[in-house]
Structure formats: structure tokens, C-alpha cells
């Protein structure tokens, strides 16, 4: 069912944790499957003066695929410029893991959405221009989040509390 690469990232995930003074934080979730992801980024500059993802960490509450895609996206994004990181697709994540079962492809979308939200958060906090495509993606993610909160609000809040306390 899962590839060796998926299992490697599930059993020994990379870049797990929280960056306490993160420059950007992306939070996404899928209430249907119960997966929740947080991506934390620190932004620096490369030798050309371009903004890059200097450090990246994640915290995920979810299934094998959710943890593996979270781990993999941190590897794919670390050291990339913000523009390059925004181009990472759910297909890129799945392919780099050797594939995902079709029913688990939503996990690679969650991972890319969490990364986009972290970059959006960084740009917004620093009053930097937000690319039009990223703004559209943010609005889509927010719309999905609002729908989920309206429909499953109490469940989501309980899950978040448990995760923050480390009980999940």
C-alpha cells in the first residue's frame, strides 16, 4: 500500500517540531479524515539577496501519509527561495515519496497548502507583496476552513486543544 519512502518518512520524519520564533506559520486541516498540519518557517537570504526558507519544521496530527508528506515537504522546501517553494505541487510531493494511494493524495495537498499558508503568513506580517496566485490559494484555504469550522467547530477546537496539550 505505501512505498518504502513513505514508510521511511513516517517512521523517521525529518524536521519535526515547532520554531518558537517562526517568521511564518501555516495551519491547515481536513476534518473528514482528521488530519491537521502546522508548518513553521524561518526566512533568510541567499547570496543573491533572495528570500529563502532558512529553516522549516512541522507538527502533524494524522495518518501515515499526512506525516510522510509533512516530512517530505520540509525537505523539498528547505533552502529554496519563497518563489521556488510556492511552485512545489502536491504531485511533486507524492512523486518524491514514490507515490501515494489515490485515497491519500489529499495529504500531499494539505502539505503544500500548509507551506503556502506559512509563506502567506510571512509575507502578510512583513507587509510584503503577496503574489496573486498565493492570494487566491489563501482565500480557497480560508473558505474551506470556515466551512469546516461552521460544520465541525466543536470537534476541531477539541482536537486543537488535545494537540497543543500533547494528548493527541
N, C-alpha and C. Protein backbone atom coordinates (compact mmCIF):
# COMPACT_ATOMS: atom_id res chain seq x y z
N UNK A 1 0.83 -1.19 0.00
CA UNK A 1 0.00 0.00 0.00
C UNK A 1 0.88 1.26 0.00
N UNK A 2 1.80 1.37 0.94
CA UNK A 2 2.70 2.53 0.99
C UNK A 2 4.08 2.14 0.49
N UNK A 3 4.74 3.10 -0.15
CA UNK A 3 6.09 2.85 -0.66
C UNK A 3 7.09 2.86 0.50
N UNK A 4 8.27 2.37 0.21
CA UNK A 4 9.34 2.36 1.20
C UNK A 4 9.67 3.79 1.64
N UNK A 5 9.66 4.72 0.70
CA UNK A 5 9.97 6.13 1.01
C UNK A 5 8.91 6.73 1.94
N UNK A 6 7.64 6.42 1.72
CA UNK A 6 6.57 6.90 2.60
C UNK A 6 6.81 6.36 4.01
N UNK A 7 7.09 5.08 4.10
CA UNK A 7 7.29 4.47 5.42
C UNK A 7 8.53 5.04 6.13
N UNK A 8 9.57 5.35 5.36
CA UNK A 8 10.77 5.95 5.93
C UNK A 8 10.43 7.30 6.58
N UNK A 9 9.65 8.12 5.87
CA UNK A 9 9.29 9.44 6.40
C UNK A 9 8.27 9.34 7.53
N UNK A 10 7.48 8.29 7.54
CA UNK A 10 6.53 8.09 8.63
C UNK A 10 7.26 7.61 9.89
N UNK A 11 8.14 6.65 9.73
CA UNK A 11 8.84 6.07 10.87
C UNK A 11 9.94 6.99 11.42
N UNK A 12 10.57 7.76 10.54
CA UNK A 12 11.66 8.66 10.93
C UNK A 12 11.48 10.01 10.24
N UNK A 13 10.43 10.74 10.61
CA UNK A 13 10.17 12.02 9.94
C UNK A 13 11.29 13.03 10.17
N UNK A 14 11.49 13.86 9.17
CA UNK A 14 12.52 14.92 9.22
C UNK A 14 11.87 16.24 9.62
N UNK A 15 12.63 17.06 10.31
CA UNK A 15 12.22 18.44 10.63
C UNK A 15 10.95 18.53 11.47
N UNK A 16 10.79 17.61 12.40
CA UNK A 16 9.63 17.64 13.29
C UNK A 16 9.85 18.68 14.37
N UNK A 17 8.83 19.41 14.70
CA UNK A 17 8.92 20.34 15.81
C UNK A 17 8.29 21.67 15.50
N UNK A 18 8.53 22.59 16.41
CA UNK A 18 7.98 23.94 16.32
C UNK A 18 9.15 24.91 16.32
N UNK A 19 9.06 25.94 15.49
CA UNK A 19 10.01 27.03 15.55
C UNK A 19 9.33 28.12 16.38
N UNK A 20 9.81 28.31 17.60
CA UNK A 20 9.14 29.24 18.53
C UNK A 20 9.03 30.66 18.00
N UNK A 21 10.06 31.14 17.32
CA UNK A 21 10.04 32.50 16.78
C UNK A 21 9.90 32.47 15.26
N UNK A 22 9.00 31.63 14.80
CA UNK A 22 8.80 31.45 13.36
C UNK A 22 8.44 32.76 12.68
N UNK A 23 8.95 32.91 11.45
CA UNK A 23 8.60 34.08 10.64
C UNK A 23 7.23 33.90 9.98
N UNK A 24 6.84 32.64 9.79
CA UNK A 24 5.55 32.34 9.19
C UNK A 24 5.05 31.00 9.68
N UNK A 25 3.73 30.90 9.90
CA UNK A 25 3.11 29.66 10.36
C UNK A 25 1.92 29.37 9.46
N UNK A 26 1.87 28.14 8.95
CA UNK A 26 0.74 27.71 8.15
C UNK A 26 0.00 26.61 8.87
N UNK A 27 -1.31 26.77 9.04
CA UNK A 27 -2.13 25.76 9.70
C UNK A 27 -3.24 25.35 8.75
N UNK A 28 -3.34 24.05 8.51
CA UNK A 28 -4.41 23.53 7.66
C UNK A 28 -4.93 22.23 8.27
N UNK A 29 -6.10 21.84 7.82
CA UNK A 29 -6.67 20.59 8.30
C UNK A 29 -7.74 20.07 7.37
N UNK A 30 -8.01 18.79 7.51
CA UNK A 30 -9.07 18.14 6.76
C UNK A 30 -9.92 17.41 7.78
N UNK A 31 -11.10 17.95 8.05
CA UNK A 31 -11.95 17.40 9.09
C UNK A 31 -12.46 16.01 8.74
N UNK A 32 -12.63 15.75 7.47
CA UNK A 32 -13.17 14.46 7.04
C UNK A 32 -12.24 13.33 7.50
N UNK A 33 -10.94 13.51 7.32
CA UNK A 33 -10.00 12.45 7.70
C UNK A 33 -9.35 12.72 9.06
N UNK A 34 -9.50 13.94 9.58
CA UNK A 34 -8.95 14.27 10.89
C UNK A 34 -7.52 14.76 10.88
N UNK A 35 -6.91 14.90 9.71
CA UNK A 35 -5.52 15.36 9.63
C UNK A 35 -5.42 16.86 9.91
N UNK A 36 -4.41 17.24 10.69
CA UNK A 36 -4.13 18.66 10.94
C UNK A 36 -2.63 18.85 10.84
N UNK A 37 -2.21 19.93 10.16
CA UNK A 37 -0.79 20.20 9.95
C UNK A 37 -0.47 21.65 10.27
N UNK A 38 0.73 21.80 10.84
CA UNK A 38 1.30 23.12 11.05
C UNK A 38 2.69 23.11 10.44
N UNK A 39 2.99 24.12 9.64
CA UNK A 39 4.33 24.29 9.08
C UNK A 39 4.86 25.62 9.62
N UNK A 40 6.08 25.60 10.12
CA UNK A 40 6.75 26.78 10.67
C UNK A 40 7.97 27.07 9.81
N UNK A 41 8.14 28.34 9.42
CA UNK A 41 9.32 28.69 8.61
C UNK A 41 10.10 29.85 9.22
N UNK A 42 11.41 29.81 9.02
CA UNK A 42 12.32 30.92 9.28
C UNK A 42 12.83 31.34 7.91
N UNK A 43 12.79 32.62 7.65
CA UNK A 43 13.20 33.14 6.35
C UNK A 43 14.54 33.86 6.49
N UNK A 44 15.42 33.62 5.54
CA UNK A 44 16.71 34.30 5.48
C UNK A 44 16.94 34.76 4.06
N UNK A 45 18.19 35.05 3.74
CA UNK A 45 18.53 35.46 2.38
C UNK A 45 19.68 34.61 1.86
N UNK A 46 19.65 34.35 0.56
CA UNK A 46 20.77 33.64 -0.06
C UNK A 46 21.81 34.66 -0.52
N UNK A 47 22.85 34.16 -1.18
CA UNK A 47 23.95 35.03 -1.62
C UNK A 47 23.50 36.08 -2.65
N UNK A 48 22.35 35.86 -3.28
CA UNK A 48 21.81 36.82 -4.26
C UNK A 48 20.84 37.81 -3.62
N UNK A 49 20.66 37.70 -2.31
CA UNK A 49 19.73 38.59 -1.62
C UNK A 49 18.28 38.18 -1.74
N UNK A 50 18.03 36.97 -2.24
CA UNK A 50 16.65 36.47 -2.37
C UNK A 50 16.20 35.85 -1.05
N UNK A 51 14.92 36.01 -0.75
CA UNK A 51 14.35 35.41 0.46
C UNK A 51 14.28 33.90 0.28
N UNK A 52 14.84 33.17 1.26
CA UNK A 52 14.83 31.71 1.21
C UNK A 52 14.26 31.14 2.51
N UNK A 53 13.83 29.91 2.44
CA UNK A 53 13.40 29.20 3.64
C UNK A 53 14.66 28.64 4.30
N UNK A 54 15.09 29.35 5.34
CA UNK A 54 16.32 29.01 6.05
C UNK A 54 16.12 27.80 6.95
N UNK A 55 14.94 27.74 7.58
CA UNK A 55 14.61 26.61 8.45
C UNK A 55 13.12 26.35 8.32
N UNK A 56 12.75 25.09 8.51
CA UNK A 56 11.35 24.70 8.39
C UNK A 56 11.10 23.50 9.28
N UNK A 57 9.99 23.52 9.98
CA UNK A 57 9.61 22.41 10.84
C UNK A 57 8.11 22.19 10.71
N UNK A 58 7.66 21.03 11.17
CA UNK A 58 6.23 20.74 11.11
C UNK A 58 5.77 20.01 12.35
N UNK A 59 4.47 20.12 12.57
CA UNK A 59 3.78 19.33 13.58
C UNK A 59 2.51 18.85 12.91
N UNK A 60 2.30 17.55 12.91
CA UNK A 60 1.14 16.98 12.22
C UNK A 60 0.43 15.98 13.11
N UNK A 61 -0.88 16.07 13.09
CA UNK A 61 -1.75 15.09 13.73
C UNK A 61 -2.47 14.41 12.58
N UNK A 62 -2.13 13.14 12.34
CA UNK A 62 -2.78 12.48 11.22
C UNK A 62 -2.23 11.10 10.93
N UNK A 63 -2.59 10.63 9.76
CA UNK A 63 -2.27 9.28 9.32
C UNK A 63 -0.84 9.18 8.80
N UNK A 64 -0.47 7.98 8.37
CA UNK A 64 0.86 7.71 7.80
C UNK A 64 1.18 8.70 6.69
N UNK A 65 0.27 8.86 5.75
CA UNK A 65 0.51 9.74 4.60
C UNK A 65 0.63 11.20 5.01
N UNK A 66 -0.15 11.62 5.99
CA UNK A 66 -0.09 13.01 6.46
C UNK A 66 1.28 13.31 7.07
N UNK A 67 1.78 12.40 7.87
CA UNK A 67 3.09 12.60 8.49
C UNK A 67 4.20 12.54 7.44
N UNK A 68 4.12 11.57 6.54
CA UNK A 68 5.15 11.43 5.50
C UNK A 68 5.18 12.64 4.57
N UNK A 69 4.03 13.15 4.16
CA UNK A 69 4.01 14.31 3.26
C UNK A 69 4.49 15.56 3.97
N UNK A 70 4.19 15.69 5.25
CA UNK A 70 4.68 16.84 6.03
C UNK A 70 6.20 16.81 6.09
N UNK A 71 6.74 15.64 6.39
CA UNK A 71 8.19 15.48 6.46
C UNK A 71 8.84 15.78 5.11
N UNK A 72 8.26 15.23 4.05
CA UNK A 72 8.85 15.39 2.71
C UNK A 72 8.80 16.84 2.25
N UNK A 73 7.70 17.54 2.51
CA UNK A 73 7.63 18.93 2.03
C UNK A 73 8.67 19.80 2.72
N UNK A 74 9.01 19.48 3.96
CA UNK A 74 10.05 20.27 4.63
C UNK A 74 11.39 20.06 3.94
N UNK A 75 11.65 18.85 3.51
CA UNK A 75 12.91 18.57 2.78
C UNK A 75 12.92 19.26 1.43
N UNK A 76 11.78 19.24 0.75
CA UNK A 76 11.70 19.85 -0.58
C UNK A 76 11.83 21.37 -0.53
N UNK A 77 11.33 21.98 0.54
CA UNK A 77 11.28 23.45 0.61
C UNK A 77 12.52 24.08 1.24
N UNK A 78 13.19 23.36 2.11
CA UNK A 78 14.33 23.95 2.85
C UNK A 78 15.42 24.41 1.89
N UNK A 79 15.83 25.67 2.03
CA UNK A 79 16.88 26.25 1.20
C UNK A 79 16.39 26.86 -0.09
N UNK A 80 15.12 26.64 -0.41
CA UNK A 80 14.55 27.19 -1.65
C UNK A 80 14.14 28.65 -1.43
N UNK A 81 14.11 29.41 -2.54
CA UNK A 81 13.55 30.75 -2.46
C UNK A 81 12.05 30.61 -2.21
N UNK A 82 11.42 31.67 -1.73
CA UNK A 82 9.98 31.61 -1.49
C UNK A 82 9.24 31.29 -2.78
N UNK A 83 9.70 31.88 -3.89
CA UNK A 83 9.06 31.64 -5.19
C UNK A 83 9.18 30.17 -5.60
N UNK A 84 10.36 29.59 -5.40
CA UNK A 84 10.55 28.17 -5.73
C UNK A 84 9.69 27.29 -4.84
N UNK A 85 9.62 27.61 -3.56
CA UNK A 85 8.84 26.82 -2.61
C UNK A 85 7.35 26.85 -2.97
N UNK A 86 6.88 28.01 -3.43
CA UNK A 86 5.46 28.12 -3.81
C UNK A 86 5.12 27.27 -5.03
N UNK A 87 6.11 26.89 -5.80
CA UNK A 87 5.87 26.07 -7.00
C UNK A 87 5.82 24.58 -6.71
N UNK A 88 6.13 24.17 -5.49
CA UNK A 88 6.07 22.74 -5.13
C UNK A 88 4.60 22.32 -5.16
N UNK A 89 4.32 21.32 -5.96
CA UNK A 89 2.93 20.86 -6.13
C UNK A 89 2.67 19.58 -5.32
N UNK A 90 1.40 19.28 -5.17
CA UNK A 90 1.04 18.03 -4.49
C UNK A 90 1.59 16.83 -5.26
N UNK A 91 1.66 16.95 -6.58
CA UNK A 91 2.23 15.88 -7.40
C UNK A 91 3.72 15.73 -7.13
N UNK A 92 4.43 16.86 -6.96
CA UNK A 92 5.86 16.82 -6.62
C UNK A 92 6.07 16.06 -5.32
N UNK A 93 5.25 16.35 -4.33
CA UNK A 93 5.37 15.71 -3.01
C UNK A 93 5.12 14.21 -3.15
N UNK A 94 4.01 13.86 -3.81
CA UNK A 94 3.67 12.44 -3.96
C UNK A 94 4.73 11.69 -4.75
N UNK A 95 5.20 12.29 -5.84
CA UNK A 95 6.21 11.65 -6.68
C UNK A 95 7.52 11.43 -5.90
N UNK A 96 7.91 12.42 -5.11
CA UNK A 96 9.15 12.30 -4.35
C UNK A 96 9.06 11.23 -3.26
N UNK A 97 7.85 10.85 -2.92
CA UNK A 97 7.63 9.76 -1.96
C UNK A 97 7.43 8.42 -2.66
N UNK A 98 7.57 8.41 -3.98
CA UNK A 98 7.37 7.17 -4.72
C UNK A 98 5.91 6.85 -4.97
N UNK A 99 5.06 7.85 -4.75
CA UNK A 99 3.63 7.69 -4.98
C UNK A 99 2.85 7.55 -3.68
N UNK A 100 1.57 7.85 -3.79
CA UNK A 100 0.63 7.69 -2.68
C UNK A 100 -0.61 6.99 -3.20
N UNK A 101 -1.29 6.23 -2.37
CA UNK A 101 -2.57 5.67 -2.80
C UNK A 101 -3.51 6.81 -3.17
N UNK A 102 -4.33 6.66 -4.20
CA UNK A 102 -5.23 7.75 -4.61
C UNK A 102 -6.05 8.33 -3.46
N UNK A 103 -6.48 7.50 -2.55
CA UNK A 103 -7.30 7.96 -1.44
C UNK A 103 -6.50 8.84 -0.45
N UNK A 104 -5.17 8.83 -0.57
CA UNK A 104 -4.31 9.61 0.32
C UNK A 104 -3.68 10.83 -0.35
N UNK A 105 -4.02 11.10 -1.60
CA UNK A 105 -3.45 12.25 -2.29
C UNK A 105 -3.81 13.58 -1.61
N UNK A 106 -4.92 13.60 -0.89
CA UNK A 106 -5.29 14.84 -0.19
C UNK A 106 -4.23 15.24 0.83
N UNK A 107 -3.45 14.28 1.31
CA UNK A 107 -2.40 14.60 2.29
C UNK A 107 -1.30 15.44 1.65
N UNK A 108 -0.98 15.14 0.39
CA UNK A 108 0.04 15.95 -0.28
C UNK A 108 -0.50 17.36 -0.55
N UNK A 109 -1.79 17.49 -0.78
CA UNK A 109 -2.40 18.82 -0.93
C UNK A 109 -2.35 19.57 0.40
N UNK A 110 -2.64 18.89 1.49
CA UNK A 110 -2.56 19.54 2.80
C UNK A 110 -1.15 20.05 3.07
N UNK A 111 -0.15 19.25 2.72
CA UNK A 111 1.24 19.66 2.95
C UNK A 111 1.59 20.91 2.14
N UNK A 112 1.20 20.93 0.87
CA UNK A 112 1.51 22.11 0.05
C UNK A 112 0.70 23.32 0.53
N UNK A 113 -0.53 23.08 0.96
CA UNK A 113 -1.34 24.19 1.49
C UNK A 113 -0.73 24.76 2.77
N UNK A 114 -0.22 23.91 3.64
CA UNK A 114 0.40 24.38 4.89
C UNK A 114 1.63 25.23 4.58
N UNK A 115 2.42 24.78 3.61
CA UNK A 115 3.60 25.56 3.21
C UNK A 115 3.18 26.91 2.63
N UNK A 116 2.19 26.91 1.76
CA UNK A 116 1.70 28.16 1.18
C UNK A 116 1.19 29.11 2.27
N UNK A 117 0.49 28.57 3.23
CA UNK A 117 -0.05 29.40 4.31
C UNK A 117 1.08 29.98 5.17
N UNK A 118 2.14 29.22 5.38
CA UNK A 118 3.29 29.75 6.15
C UNK A 118 3.95 30.89 5.39
N UNK A 119 4.10 30.73 4.09
CA UNK A 119 4.70 31.79 3.26
C UNK A 119 3.77 33.00 3.22
N UNK A 120 2.48 32.77 3.06
CA UNK A 120 1.50 33.85 3.07
C UNK A 120 1.59 34.62 4.40
N UNK A 121 1.64 33.89 5.51
CA UNK A 121 1.72 34.50 6.83
C UNK A 121 2.97 35.37 6.95
N UNK A 122 4.10 34.87 6.46
CA UNK A 122 5.35 35.64 6.49
C UNK A 122 5.21 36.93 5.68
N UNK A 123 4.71 36.82 4.46
CA UNK A 123 4.57 38.00 3.60
C UNK A 123 3.62 39.02 4.22
N UNK A 124 2.51 38.54 4.73
CA UNK A 124 1.49 39.41 5.34
C UNK A 124 2.06 40.14 6.55
N UNK A 125 2.73 39.41 7.45
CA UNK A 125 3.30 40.01 8.66
C UNK A 125 4.34 41.08 8.34
N UNK A 126 5.02 40.93 7.22
CA UNK A 126 6.11 41.84 6.86
C UNK A 126 5.70 42.87 5.80
N UNK A 127 4.39 42.97 5.56
CA UNK A 127 3.87 43.93 4.57
C UNK A 127 4.58 43.82 3.23
N UNK A 128 4.84 42.58 2.81
CA UNK A 128 5.47 42.33 1.52
C UNK A 128 4.40 41.97 0.50
N UNK A 129 4.67 42.21 -0.78
CA UNK A 129 3.66 41.89 -1.80
C UNK A 129 3.31 40.40 -1.81
N UNK A 130 2.03 40.13 -1.93
CA UNK A 130 1.54 38.75 -1.99
C UNK A 130 1.18 38.45 -3.43
N UNK A 131 1.84 37.45 -4.03
CA UNK A 131 1.51 37.11 -5.42
C UNK A 131 0.02 36.77 -5.57
N UNK A 132 -0.55 37.14 -6.70
CA UNK A 132 -1.98 36.95 -6.94
C UNK A 132 -2.40 35.49 -6.76
N UNK A 133 -1.59 34.56 -7.28
CA UNK A 133 -1.93 33.13 -7.17
C UNK A 133 -1.93 32.69 -5.70
N UNK A 134 -0.99 33.18 -4.91
CA UNK A 134 -0.95 32.83 -3.49
C UNK A 134 -2.16 33.41 -2.77
N UNK A 135 -2.57 34.62 -3.13
CA UNK A 135 -3.76 35.22 -2.52
C UNK A 135 -4.99 34.37 -2.81
N UNK A 136 -5.11 33.89 -4.05
CA UNK A 136 -6.25 33.03 -4.42
C UNK A 136 -6.23 31.72 -3.62
N UNK A 137 -5.03 31.13 -3.49
CA UNK A 137 -4.90 29.89 -2.73
C UNK A 137 -5.28 30.12 -1.27
N UNK A 138 -4.81 31.22 -0.70
CA UNK A 138 -5.14 31.56 0.69
C UNK A 138 -6.66 31.70 0.86
N UNK A 139 -7.30 32.37 -0.07
CA UNK A 139 -8.75 32.55 0.02
C UNK A 139 -9.48 31.21 -0.07
N UNK A 140 -9.00 30.31 -0.95
CA UNK A 140 -9.59 28.96 -1.04
C UNK A 140 -9.44 28.21 0.28
N UNK A 141 -8.24 28.26 0.84
CA UNK A 141 -7.96 27.56 2.10
C UNK A 141 -8.82 28.14 3.23
N UNK A 142 -8.93 29.46 3.29
CA UNK A 142 -9.75 30.11 4.31
C UNK A 142 -11.23 29.74 4.16
N UNK A 143 -11.70 29.68 2.92
CA UNK A 143 -13.09 29.31 2.67
C UNK A 143 -13.35 27.88 3.15
N UNK A 144 -12.43 26.97 2.86
CA UNK A 144 -12.57 25.58 3.32
C UNK A 144 -12.52 25.51 4.84
N UNK A 145 -11.63 26.30 5.44
CA UNK A 145 -11.50 26.31 6.90
C UNK A 145 -12.79 26.83 7.54
N UNK A 146 -13.35 27.90 6.97
CA UNK A 146 -14.58 28.48 7.52
C UNK A 146 -15.73 27.47 7.43
N UNK A 147 -15.85 26.79 6.30
CA UNK A 147 -16.89 25.78 6.13
C UNK A 147 -16.74 24.69 7.19
N UNK A 148 -15.50 24.20 7.38
CA UNK A 148 -15.24 23.15 8.35
C UNK A 148 -15.55 23.61 9.77
N UNK A 149 -15.17 24.84 10.08
CA UNK A 149 -15.43 25.36 11.43
C UNK A 149 -16.92 25.50 11.70
N UNK A 150 -17.67 25.92 10.68
CA UNK A 150 -19.12 26.05 10.85
C UNK A 150 -19.76 24.69 11.06
N UNK A 151 -19.27 23.71 10.34
CA UNK A 151 -19.88 22.38 10.38
C UNK A 151 -19.35 21.53 11.54
N UNK A 152 -18.06 21.66 11.84
CA UNK A 152 -17.41 20.78 12.82
C UNK A 152 -16.64 21.55 13.89
N UNK A 153 -17.05 22.79 14.16
CA UNK A 153 -16.31 23.68 15.05
C UNK A 153 -15.90 23.10 16.39
N UNK A 154 -16.83 22.51 17.10
CA UNK A 154 -16.52 21.98 18.44
C UNK A 154 -15.51 20.84 18.35
N UNK A 155 -15.66 19.98 17.37
CA UNK A 155 -14.72 18.87 17.18
C UNK A 155 -13.32 19.40 16.88
N UNK A 156 -13.22 20.39 15.99
CA UNK A 156 -11.93 20.97 15.61
C UNK A 156 -11.25 21.60 16.82
N UNK A 157 -11.99 22.37 17.60
CA UNK A 157 -11.41 23.03 18.77
C UNK A 157 -10.92 22.00 19.78
N UNK A 158 -11.69 20.94 19.98
CA UNK A 158 -11.27 19.89 20.92
C UNK A 158 -9.99 19.23 20.43
N UNK A 159 -9.89 18.95 19.12
CA UNK A 159 -8.68 18.35 18.56
C UNK A 159 -7.48 19.27 18.73
N UNK A 160 -7.66 20.56 18.46
CA UNK A 160 -6.57 21.52 18.62
C UNK A 160 -6.08 21.59 20.07
N UNK A 161 -7.03 21.59 21.00
CA UNK A 161 -6.66 21.61 22.43
C UNK A 161 -5.86 20.39 22.79
N UNK A 162 -6.29 19.22 22.33
CA UNK A 162 -5.59 17.98 22.63
C UNK A 162 -4.18 18.00 22.04
N UNK A 163 -4.06 18.50 20.82
CA UNK A 163 -2.75 18.54 20.15
C UNK A 163 -1.82 19.48 20.90
N UNK A 164 -2.32 20.65 21.28
CA UNK A 164 -1.48 21.62 21.99
C UNK A 164 -1.02 21.08 23.34
N UNK A 165 -1.87 20.30 23.98
CA UNK A 165 -1.51 19.71 25.28
C UNK A 165 -0.65 18.48 25.11
N UNK A 166 -0.53 18.00 23.87
CA UNK A 166 0.28 16.81 23.62
C UNK A 166 -0.45 15.52 23.91
N UNK A 167 -1.78 15.59 23.98
CA UNK A 167 -2.57 14.40 24.28
C UNK A 167 -3.07 13.67 23.06
N UNK A 168 -2.75 14.19 21.90
CA UNK A 168 -3.28 13.56 20.69
C UNK A 168 -2.21 12.72 20.04
